[in-house]
Amino acid sequence: MIEVQKDRREEIERYTSRLQKSEECFVLEARYLDGERWNDVNCMLFGGNPDFENREDSYTRRVTRIHGRALEHLAAIMAKDPPDDLDGEGVEEL
């Protein structure tokens, strides 16, 4: 089971690494591979900004937009180069 998780993670990283914007890759990997909560993803990405506390809601919306674009870009990448198996085996273990 651990080997399946490792293989699946590597396959997902193979796709996310092809995203052109590093922040899109970061958001998807932090959320879906590392299991971070949205609030934590927001803080990791923008928490160092001096205005973060005053504009946290704005940064949260920004993370949401980054996530949406990342999913669109990832779908386009996967459409051109589909995964070897689409049966979902091992996905639930991530």
PDB file of N, CA and C in Angstrom:
ATOM      1  N   MET A   1       0.822  -1.193   0.000  1.00  0.00           N
ATOM      2  CA  MET A   1       0.000   0.000   0.000  1.00  0.00           C
ATOM      3  C   MET A   1       0.867   1.258   0.000  1.00  0.00           C
ATOM      4  N   ILE A   2       1.938   1.270   0.767  1.00  0.00           N
ATOM      5  CA  ILE A   2       2.824   2.431   0.803  1.00  0.00           C
ATOM      6  C   ILE A   2       3.476   2.642  -0.561  1.00  0.00           C
ATOM      7  N   GLU A   3       3.820   1.554  -1.229  1.00  0.00           N
ATOM      8  CA  GLU A   3       4.413   1.654  -2.563  1.00  0.00           C
ATOM      9  C   GLU A   3       3.421   2.269  -3.556  1.00  0.00           C
ATOM     10  N   VAL A   4       2.150   1.883  -3.437  1.00  0.00           N
ATOM     11  CA  VAL A   4       1.118   2.462  -4.310  1.00  0.00           C
ATOM     12  C   VAL A   4       1.004   3.958  -4.047  1.00  0.00           C
ATOM     13  N   GLN A   5       1.029   4.363  -2.781  1.00  0.00           N
ATOM     14  CA  GLN A   5       0.963   5.781  -2.439  1.00  0.00           C
ATOM     15  C   GLN A   5       2.150   6.534  -3.021  1.00  0.00           C
ATOM     16  N   LYS A   6       3.321   5.967  -2.889  1.00  0.00           N
ATOM     17  CA  LYS A   6       4.528   6.599  -3.405  1.00  0.00           C
ATOM     18  C   LYS A   6       4.452   6.745  -4.926  1.00  0.00           C
ATOM     19  N   ASP A   7       4.040   5.676  -5.603  1.00  0.00           N
ATOM     20  CA  ASP A   7       3.908   5.729  -7.061  1.00  0.00           C
ATOM     21  C   ASP A   7       2.885   6.770  -7.491  1.00  0.00           C
ATOM     22  N   ARG A   8       1.751   6.817  -6.797  1.00  0.00           N
ATOM     23  CA  ARG A   8       0.690   7.768  -7.138  1.00  0.00           C
ATOM     24  C   ARG A   8       1.170   9.196  -6.900  1.00  0.00           C
ATOM     25  N   ARG A   9       1.853   9.420  -5.786  1.00  0.00           N
ATOM     26  CA  ARG A   9       2.374  10.753  -5.485  1.00  0.00           C
ATOM     27  C   ARG A   9       3.360  11.198  -6.567  1.00  0.00           C
ATOM     28  N   GLU A  10       4.251  10.298  -6.966  1.00  0.00           N
ATOM     29  CA  GLU A  10       5.223  10.624  -8.014  1.00  0.00           C
ATOM     30  C   GLU A  10       4.518  10.946  -9.324  1.00  0.00           C
ATOM     31  N   GLU A  11       3.458  10.212  -9.632  1.00  0.00           N
ATOM     32  CA  GLU A  11       2.711  10.474 -10.853  1.00  0.00           C
ATOM     33  C   GLU A  11       2.047  11.854 -10.801  1.00  0.00           C
ATOM     34  N   ILE A  12       1.465  12.176  -9.656  1.00  0.00           N
ATOM     35  CA  ILE A  12       0.822  13.488  -9.495  1.00  0.00           C
ATOM     36  C   ILE A  12       1.869  14.592  -9.594  1.00  0.00           C
ATOM     37  N   GLU A  13       3.017  14.408  -8.945  1.00  0.00           N
ATOM     38  CA  GLU A  13       4.073  15.412  -9.000  1.00  0.00           C
ATOM     39  C   GLU A  13       4.615  15.578 -10.425  1.00  0.00           C
ATOM     40  N   ARG A  14       4.588  14.512 -11.199  1.00  0.00           N
ATOM     41  CA  ARG A  14       5.027  14.595 -12.595  1.00  0.00           C
ATOM     42  C   ARG A  14       4.143  15.593 -13.358  1.00  0.00           C
ATOM     43  N   TYR A  15       2.873  15.617 -13.045  1.00  0.00           N
ATOM     44  CA  TYR A  15       1.957  16.548 -13.698  1.00  0.00           C
ATOM     45  C   TYR A  15       2.050  17.949 -13.094  1.00  0.00           C
ATOM     46  N   THR A  16       2.043  18.054 -11.773  1.00  0.00           N
ATOM     47  CA  THR A  16       2.063  19.385 -11.154  1.00  0.00           C
ATOM     48  C   THR A  16       3.366  20.113 -11.463  1.00  0.00           C
ATOM     49  N   SER A  17       4.456  19.389 -11.639  1.00  0.00           N
ATOM     50  CA  SER A  17       5.735  20.040 -11.945  1.00  0.00           C
ATOM     51  C   SER A  17       5.722  20.687 -13.326  1.00  0.00           C
ATOM     52  N   ARG A  18       4.766  20.321 -14.146  1.00  0.00           N
ATOM     53  CA  ARG A  18       4.663  20.884 -15.496  1.00  0.00           C
ATOM     54  C   ARG A  18       3.823  22.160 -15.535  1.00  0.00           C
ATOM     55  N   LEU A  19       3.247  22.535 -14.414  1.00  0.00           N
ATOM     56  CA  LEU A  19       2.520  23.806 -14.345  1.00  0.00           C
ATOM     57  C   LEU A  19       3.528  24.942 -14.493  1.00  0.00           C
ATOM     58  N   GLN A  20       3.188  25.942 -15.259  1.00  0.00           N
ATOM     59  CA  GLN A  20       4.127  27.029 -15.530  1.00  0.00           C
ATOM     60  C   GLN A  20       4.313  27.962 -14.345  1.00  0.00           C
ATOM     61  N   LYS A  21       3.299  28.093 -13.517  1.00  0.00           N
ATOM     62  CA  LYS A  21       3.389  29.004 -12.376  1.00  0.00           C
ATOM     63  C   LYS A  21       3.652  28.201 -11.108  1.00  0.00           C
ATOM     64  N   SER A  22       4.729  28.556 -10.432  1.00  0.00           N
ATOM     65  CA  SER A  22       5.124  27.816  -9.233  1.00  0.00           C
ATOM     66  C   SER A  22       4.074  27.906  -8.127  1.00  0.00           C
ATOM     67  N   GLU A  23       3.358  29.035  -8.047  1.00  0.00           N
ATOM     68  CA  GLU A  23       2.346  29.157  -6.990  1.00  0.00           C
ATOM     69  C   GLU A  23       1.183  28.196  -7.235  1.00  0.00           C
ATOM     70  N   GLU A  24       0.867  27.886  -8.486  1.00  0.00           N
ATOM     71  CA  GLU A  24      -0.179  26.906  -8.786  1.00  0.00           C
ATOM     72  C   GLU A  24       0.270  25.520  -8.335  1.00  0.00           C
ATOM     73  N   CYS A  25       1.501  25.187  -8.646  1.00  0.00           N
ATOM     74  CA  CYS A  25       2.060  23.908  -8.215  1.00  0.00           C
ATOM     75  C   CYS A  25       2.053  23.818  -6.689  1.00  0.00           C
ATOM     76  N   PHE A  26       2.482  24.883  -6.034  1.00  0.00           N
ATOM     77  CA  PHE A  26       2.544  24.902  -4.577  1.00  0.00           C
ATOM     78  C   PHE A  26       1.165  24.673  -3.955  1.00  0.00           C
ATOM     79  N   VAL A  27       0.158  25.386  -4.447  1.00  0.00           N
ATOM     80  CA  VAL A  27      -1.185  25.274  -3.872  1.00  0.00           C
ATOM     81  C   VAL A  27      -1.715  23.852  -4.015  1.00  0.00           C
ATOM     82  N   LEU A  28      -1.592  23.261  -5.201  1.00  0.00           N
ATOM     83  CA  LEU A  28      -2.100  21.899  -5.395  1.00  0.00           C
ATOM     84  C   LEU A  28      -1.347  20.879  -4.547  1.00  0.00           C
ATOM     85  N   GLU A  29      -0.029  20.986  -4.515  1.00  0.00           N
ATOM     86  CA  GLU A  29       0.743  20.007  -3.745  1.00  0.00           C
ATOM     87  C   GLU A  29       0.531  20.171  -2.246  1.00  0.00           C
ATOM     88  N   ALA A  30       0.486  21.416  -1.768  1.00  0.00           N
ATOM     89  CA  ALA A  30       0.271  21.638  -0.336  1.00  0.00           C
ATOM     90  C   ALA A  30      -1.095  21.107   0.094  1.00  0.00           C
ATOM     91  N   ARG A  31      -2.089  21.378  -0.708  1.00  0.00           N
ATOM     92  CA  ARG A  31      -3.459  20.980  -0.360  1.00  0.00           C
ATOM     93  C   ARG A  31      -3.687  19.483  -0.526  1.00  0.00           C
ATOM     94  N   TYR A  32      -3.328  18.940  -1.679  1.00  0.00           N
ATOM     95  CA  TYR A  32      -3.727  17.572  -1.993  1.00  0.00           C
ATOM     96  C   TYR A  32      -2.672  16.518  -1.687  1.00  0.00           C
ATOM     97  N   LEU A  33      -1.417  16.861  -1.759  1.00  0.00           N
ATOM     98  CA  LEU A  33      -0.390  15.864  -1.447  1.00  0.00           C
ATOM     99  C   LEU A  33       0.033  15.933   0.010  1.00  0.00           C
ATOM    100  N   ASP A  34       0.130  17.146   0.534  1.00  0.00           N
ATOM    101  CA  ASP A  34       0.570  17.307   1.916  1.00  0.00           C
ATOM    102  C   ASP A  34      -0.589  17.395   2.899  1.00  0.00           C
ATOM    103  N   GLY A  35      -1.813  17.545   2.386  1.00  0.00           N
ATOM    104  CA  GLY A  35      -2.997  17.555   3.247  1.00  0.00           C
ATOM    105  C   GLY A  35      -3.179  18.809   4.075  1.00  0.00           C
ATOM    106  N   GLU A  36      -2.596  19.906   3.642  1.00  0.00           N
ATOM    107  CA  GLU A  36      -2.731  21.159   4.386  1.00  0.00           C
ATOM    108  C   GLU A  36      -4.148  21.717   4.262  1.00  0.00           C
ATOM    109  N   ARG A  37      -4.602  22.376   5.319  1.00  0.00           N
ATOM    110  CA  ARG A  37      -5.898  23.049   5.290  1.00  0.00           C
ATOM    111  C   ARG A  37      -5.772  24.325   4.473  1.00  0.00           C
ATOM    112  N   TRP A  38      -6.900  24.801   3.941  1.00  0.00           N
ATOM    113  CA  TRP A  38      -6.877  26.007   3.111  1.00  0.00           C
ATOM    114  C   TRP A  38      -6.275  27.190   3.854  1.00  0.00           C
ATOM    115  N   ASN A  39      -6.637  27.347   5.093  1.00  0.00           N
ATOM    116  CA  ASN A  39      -6.115  28.448   5.896  1.00  0.00           C
ATOM    117  C   ASN A  39      -4.594  28.376   5.981  1.00  0.00           C
ATOM    118  N   ASP A  40      -4.068  27.162   6.130  1.00  0.00           N
ATOM    119  CA  ASP A  40      -2.615  26.987   6.221  1.00  0.00           C
ATOM    120  C   ASP A  40      -1.934  27.247   4.879  1.00  0.00           C
ATOM    121  N   VAL A  41      -2.564  26.818   3.790  1.00  0.00           N
ATOM    122  CA  VAL A  41      -2.013  27.091   2.461  1.00  0.00           C
ATOM    123  C   VAL A  41      -1.918  28.599   2.256  1.00  0.00           C
ATOM    124  N   ASN A  42      -2.964  29.300   2.615  1.00  0.00           N
ATOM    125  CA  ASN A  42      -2.996  30.756   2.507  1.00  0.00           C
ATOM    126  C   ASN A  42      -1.859  31.383   3.313  1.00  0.00           C
ATOM    127  N   CYS A  43      -1.705  30.941   4.532  1.00  0.00           N
ATOM    128  CA  CYS A  43      -0.669  31.490   5.408  1.00  0.00           C
ATOM    129  C   CYS A  43       0.731  31.160   4.883  1.00  0.00           C
ATOM    130  N   MET A  44       0.927  29.934   4.394  1.00  0.00           N
ATOM    131  CA  MET A  44       2.243  29.558   3.865  1.00  0.00           C
ATOM    132  C   MET A  44       2.604  30.382   2.635  1.00  0.00           C
ATOM    133  N   LEU A  45       1.622  30.675   1.817  1.00  0.00           N
ATOM    134  CA  LEU A  45       1.882  31.389   0.570  1.00  0.00           C
ATOM    135  C   LEU A  45       2.028  32.895   0.779  1.00  0.00           C
ATOM    136  N   PHE A  46       1.178  33.463   1.615  1.00  0.00           N
ATOM    137  CA  PHE A  46       1.141  34.918   1.748  1.00  0.00           C
ATOM    138  C   PHE A  46       1.382  35.436   3.162  1.00  0.00           C
ATOM    139  N   GLY A  47       1.549  34.561   4.140  1.00  0.00           N
ATOM    140  CA  GLY A  47       1.681  34.977   5.535  1.00  0.00           C
ATOM    141  C   GLY A  47       2.856  35.895   5.818  1.00  0.00           C
ATOM    142  N   GLY A  48       3.862  35.847   4.982  1.00  0.00           N
ATOM    143  CA  GLY A  48       5.029  36.709   5.180  1.00  0.00           C
ATOM    144  C   GLY A  48       4.843  38.127   4.688  1.00  0.00           C
ATOM    145  N   ASN A  49       3.749  38.371   3.995  1.00  0.00           N
ATOM    146  CA  ASN A  49       3.494  39.733   3.499  1.00  0.00           C
ATOM    147  C   ASN A  49       3.136  40.648   4.663  1.00  0.00           C
ATOM    148  N   PRO A  50       3.677  41.856   4.684  1.00  0.00           N
ATOM    149  CA  PRO A  50       3.436  42.752   5.827  1.00  0.00           C
ATOM    150  C   PRO A  50       1.969  43.099   6.055  1.00  0.00           C
ATOM    151  N   ASP A  51       1.154  43.029   5.009  1.00  0.00           N
ATOM    152  CA  ASP A  51      -0.261  43.387   5.159  1.00  0.00           C
ATOM    153  C   ASP A  51      -1.168  42.165   5.318  1.00  0.00           C
ATOM    154  N   PHE A  52      -0.576  41.004   5.568  1.00  0.00           N
ATOM    155  CA  PHE A  52      -1.358  39.768   5.597  1.00  0.00           C
ATOM    156  C   PHE A  52      -2.503  39.821   6.605  1.00  0.00           C
ATOM    157  N   GLU A  53      -2.237  40.258   7.821  1.00  0.00           N
ATOM    158  CA  GLU A  53      -3.278  40.268   8.850  1.00  0.00           C
ATOM    159  C   GLU A  53      -4.448  41.170   8.470  1.00  0.00           C
ATOM    160  N   ASN A  54      -4.163  42.287   7.850  1.00  0.00           N
ATOM    161  CA  ASN A  54      -5.224  43.229   7.472  1.00  0.00           C
ATOM    162  C   ASN A  54      -5.964  42.799   6.212  1.00  0.00           C
ATOM    163  N   ARG A  55      -5.320  41.986   5.370  1.00  0.00           N
ATOM    164  CA  ARG A  55      -5.909  41.627   4.084  1.00  0.00           C
ATOM    165  C   ARG A  55      -6.042  40.110   3.911  1.00  0.00           C
ATOM    166  N   GLU A  56      -6.149  39.382   5.008  1.00  0.00           N
ATOM    167  CA  GLU A  56      -6.200  37.924   4.929  1.00  0.00           C
ATOM    168  C   GLU A  56      -7.341  37.433   4.031  1.00  0.00           C
ATOM    169  N   ASP A  57      -8.512  38.071   4.111  1.00  0.00           N
ATOM    170  CA  ASP A  57      -9.635  37.668   3.251  1.00  0.00           C
ATOM    171  C   ASP A  57      -9.296  37.828   1.769  1.00  0.00           C
ATOM    172  N   SER A  58      -8.613  38.903   1.446  1.00  0.00           N
ATOM    173  CA  SER A  58      -8.204  39.146   0.061  1.00  0.00           C
ATOM    174  C   SER A  58      -7.226  38.064  -0.397  1.00  0.00           C
ATOM    175  N   TYR A  59      -6.301  37.699   0.467  1.00  0.00           N
ATOM    176  CA  TYR A  59      -5.342  36.648   0.125  1.00  0.00           C
ATOM    177  C   TYR A  59      -6.036  35.286   0.006  1.00  0.00           C
ATOM    178  N   THR A  60      -7.060  35.061   0.809  1.00  0.00           N
ATOM    179  CA  THR A  60      -7.819  33.811   0.713  1.00  0.00           C
ATOM    180  C   THR A  60      -8.497  33.708  -0.649  1.00  0.00           C
ATOM    181  N   ARG A  61      -9.091  34.805  -1.096  1.00  0.00           N
ATOM    182  CA  ARG A  61      -9.706  34.816  -2.438  1.00  0.00           C
ATOM    183  C   ARG A  61      -8.654  34.584  -3.518  1.00  0.00           C
ATOM    184  N   ARG A  62      -7.478  35.142  -3.307  1.00  0.00           N
ATOM    185  CA  ARG A  62      -6.392  34.955  -4.273  1.00  0.00           C
ATOM    186  C   ARG A  62      -5.980  33.487  -4.351  1.00  0.00           C
ATOM    187  N   VAL A  63      -5.877  32.821  -3.207  1.00  0.00           N
ATOM    188  CA  VAL A  63      -5.540  31.394  -3.189  1.00  0.00           C
ATOM    189  C   VAL A  63      -6.617  30.598  -3.921  1.00  0.00           C
ATOM    190  N   THR A  64      -7.865  30.966  -3.731  1.00  0.00           N
ATOM    191  CA  THR A  64      -8.968  30.283  -4.410  1.00  0.00           C
ATOM    192  C   THR A  64      -8.850  30.433  -5.925  1.00  0.00           C
ATOM    193  N   ARG A  65      -8.520  31.627  -6.372  1.00  0.00           N
ATOM    194  CA  ARG A  65      -8.344  31.851  -7.820  1.00  0.00           C
ATOM    195  C   ARG A  65      -7.134  31.077  -8.355  1.00  0.00           C
ATOM    196  N   ILE A  66      -6.049  31.072  -7.607  1.00  0.00           N
ATOM    197  CA  ILE A  66      -4.855  30.315  -8.014  1.00  0.00           C
ATOM    198  C   ILE A  66      -5.213  28.843  -8.139  1.00  0.00           C
ATOM    199  N   HIS A  67      -5.952  28.331  -7.168  1.00  0.00           N
ATOM    200  CA  HIS A  67      -6.369  26.928  -7.176  1.00  0.00           C
ATOM    201  C   HIS A  67      -7.205  26.616  -8.413  1.00  0.00           C
ATOM    202  N   GLY A  68      -8.156  27.472  -8.722  1.00  0.00           N
ATOM    203  CA  GLY A  68      -9.016  27.252  -9.881  1.00  0.00           C
ATOM    204  C   GLY A  68      -8.232  27.239 -11.183  1.00  0.00           C
ATOM    205  N   ARG A  69      -7.336  28.191 -11.330  1.00  0.00           N
ATOM    206  CA  ARG A  69      -6.502  28.218 -12.544  1.00  0.00           C
ATOM    207  C   ARG A  69      -5.595  26.996 -12.606  1.00  0.00           C
ATOM    208  N   ALA A  70      -5.068  26.598 -11.467  1.00  0.00           N
ATOM    209  CA  ALA A  70      -4.182  25.427 -11.428  1.00  0.00           C
ATOM    210  C   ALA A  70      -4.925  24.179 -11.886  1.00  0.00           C
ATOM    211  N   LEU A  71      -6.160  24.017 -11.442  1.00  0.00           N
ATOM    212  CA  LEU A  71      -6.942  22.853 -11.867  1.00  0.00           C
ATOM    213  C   LEU A  71      -7.212  22.886 -13.367  1.00  0.00           C
ATOM    214  N   GLU A  72      -7.508  24.068 -13.899  1.00  0.00           N
ATOM    215  CA  GLU A  72      -7.729  24.191 -15.344  1.00  0.00           C
ATOM    216  C   GLU A  72      -6.462  23.839 -16.122  1.00  0.00           C
ATOM    217  N   HIS A  73      -5.335  24.369 -15.682  1.00  0.00           N
ATOM    218  CA  HIS A  73      -4.070  24.103 -16.363  1.00  0.00           C
ATOM    219  C   HIS A  73      -3.673  22.632 -16.230  1.00  0.00           C
ATOM    220  N   LEU A  74      -3.907  22.058 -15.056  1.00  0.00           N
ATOM    221  CA  LEU A  74      -3.589  20.646 -14.847  1.00  0.00           C
ATOM    222  C   LEU A  74      -4.453  19.759 -15.739  1.00  0.00           C
ATOM    223  N   ALA A  75      -5.718  20.103 -15.886  1.00  0.00           N
ATOM    224  CA  ALA A  75      -6.615  19.340 -16.758  1.00  0.00           C
ATOM    225  C   ALA A  75      -6.125  19.384 -18.200  1.00  0.00           C
ATOM    226  N   ALA A  76      -5.648  20.541 -18.646  1.00  0.00           N
ATOM    227  CA  ALA A  76      -5.135  20.664 -20.014  1.00  0.00           C
ATOM    228  C   ALA A  76      -3.880  19.815 -20.201  1.00  0.00           C
ATOM    229  N   ILE A  77      -3.011  19.818 -19.216  1.00  0.00           N
ATOM    230  CA  ILE A  77      -1.796  19.002 -19.277  1.00  0.00           C
ATOM    231  C   ILE A  77      -2.157  17.524 -19.336  1.00  0.00           C
ATOM    232  N   MET A  78      -3.093  17.123 -18.497  1.00  0.00           N
ATOM    233  CA  MET A  78      -3.475  15.708 -18.440  1.00  0.00           C
ATOM    234  C   MET A  78      -4.234  15.275 -19.683  1.00  0.00           C
ATOM    235  N   ALA A  79      -4.930  16.196 -20.337  1.00  0.00           N
ATOM    236  CA  ALA A  79      -5.632  15.857 -21.574  1.00  0.00           C
ATOM    237  C   ALA A  79      -4.643  15.538 -22.687  1.00  0.00           C
ATOM    238  N   LYS A  80      -3.510  16.231 -22.677  1.00  0.00           N
ATOM    239  CA  LYS A  80      -2.477  15.987 -23.687  1.00  0.00           C
ATOM    240  C   LYS A  80      -1.648  14.746 -23.370  1.00  0.00           C
ATOM    241  N   ASP A  81      -1.544  14.417 -22.093  1.00  0.00           N
ATOM    242  CA  ASP A  81      -0.710  13.299 -21.647  1.00  0.00           C
ATOM    243  C   ASP A  81      -1.436  12.579 -20.506  1.00  0.00           C
ATOM    244  N   PRO A  82      -2.455  11.759 -20.855  1.00  0.00           N
ATOM    245  CA  PRO A  82      -3.259  11.111 -19.811  1.00  0.00           C
ATOM    246  C   PRO A  82      -2.430  10.152 -18.947  1.00  0.00           C
ATOM    247  N   PRO A  83      -2.838  10.007 -17.690  1.00  0.00           N
ATOM    248  CA  PRO A  83      -2.178   9.029 -16.818  1.00  0.00           C
ATOM    249  C   PRO A  83      -2.316   7.629 -17.398  1.00  0.00           C
ATOM    250  N   ASP A  84      -1.410   6.747 -16.998  1.00  0.00           N
ATOM    251  CA  ASP A  84      -1.440   5.372 -17.493  1.00  0.00           C
ATOM    252  C   ASP A  84      -2.716   4.646 -17.123  1.00  0.00           C
ATOM    253  N   ASP A  85      -3.174   4.836 -15.893  1.00  0.00           N
ATOM    254  CA  ASP A  85      -4.428   4.194 -15.491  1.00  0.00           C
ATOM    255  C   ASP A  85      -5.360   5.236 -14.910  1.00  0.00           C
ATOM    256  N   LEU A  86      -6.582   5.166 -15.314  1.00  0.00           N
ATOM    257  CA  LEU A  86      -7.584   6.104 -14.827  1.00  0.00           C
ATOM    258  C   LEU A  86      -8.616   5.413 -13.944  1.00  0.00           C
ATOM    259  N   ASP A  87      -8.286   4.219 -13.453  1.00  0.00           N
ATOM    260  CA  ASP A  87      -9.251   3.478 -12.640  1.00  0.00           C
ATOM    261  C   ASP A  87      -9.296   3.969 -11.203  1.00  0.00           C
ATOM    262  N   GLY A  88      -8.393   4.865 -10.821  1.00  0.00           N
ATOM    263  CA  GLY A  88      -8.423   5.430  -9.488  1.00  0.00           C
ATOM    264  C   GLY A  88      -7.754   4.582  -8.425  1.00  0.00           C
ATOM    265  N   GLU A  89      -7.143   3.477  -8.799  1.00  0.00           N
ATOM    266  CA  GLU A  89      -6.500   2.615  -7.814  1.00  0.00           C
ATOM    267  C   GLU A  89      -5.458   3.398  -7.045  1.00  0.00           C
ATOM    268  N   GLY A  90      -5.573   3.355  -5.733  1.00  0.00           N
ATOM    269  CA  GLY A  90      -4.618   4.027  -4.873  1.00  0.00           C
ATOM    270  C   GLY A  90      -4.929   5.472  -4.562  1.00  0.00           C
ATOM    271  N   VAL A  91      -5.864   6.086  -5.259  1.00  0.00           N
ATOM    272  CA  VAL A  91      -6.163   7.491  -5.044  1.00  0.00           C
ATOM    273  C   VAL A  91      -6.694   7.722  -3.641  1.00  0.00           C
ATOM    274  N   GLU A  92      -7.580   6.843  -3.167  1.00  0.00           N
ATOM    275  CA  GLU A  92      -8.166   7.058  -1.850  1.00  0.00           C
ATOM    276  C   GLU A  92      -7.151   6.972  -0.728  1.00  0.00           C
ATOM    277  N   GLU A  93      -6.000   6.366  -0.971  1.00  0.00           N
ATOM    278  CA  GLU A  93      -4.995   6.258   0.074  1.00  0.00           C
ATOM    279  C   GLU A  93      -4.229   7.548   0.261  1.00  0.00           C
ATOM    280  N   LEU A  94      -4.273   8.443  -0.728  1.00  0.00           N
ATOM    281  CA  LEU A  94      -3.583   9.721  -0.580  1.00  0.00           C
ATOM    282  C   LEU A  94      -4.430  10.573   0.287  1.00  0.00           C
TER     283      LEU A  94
END
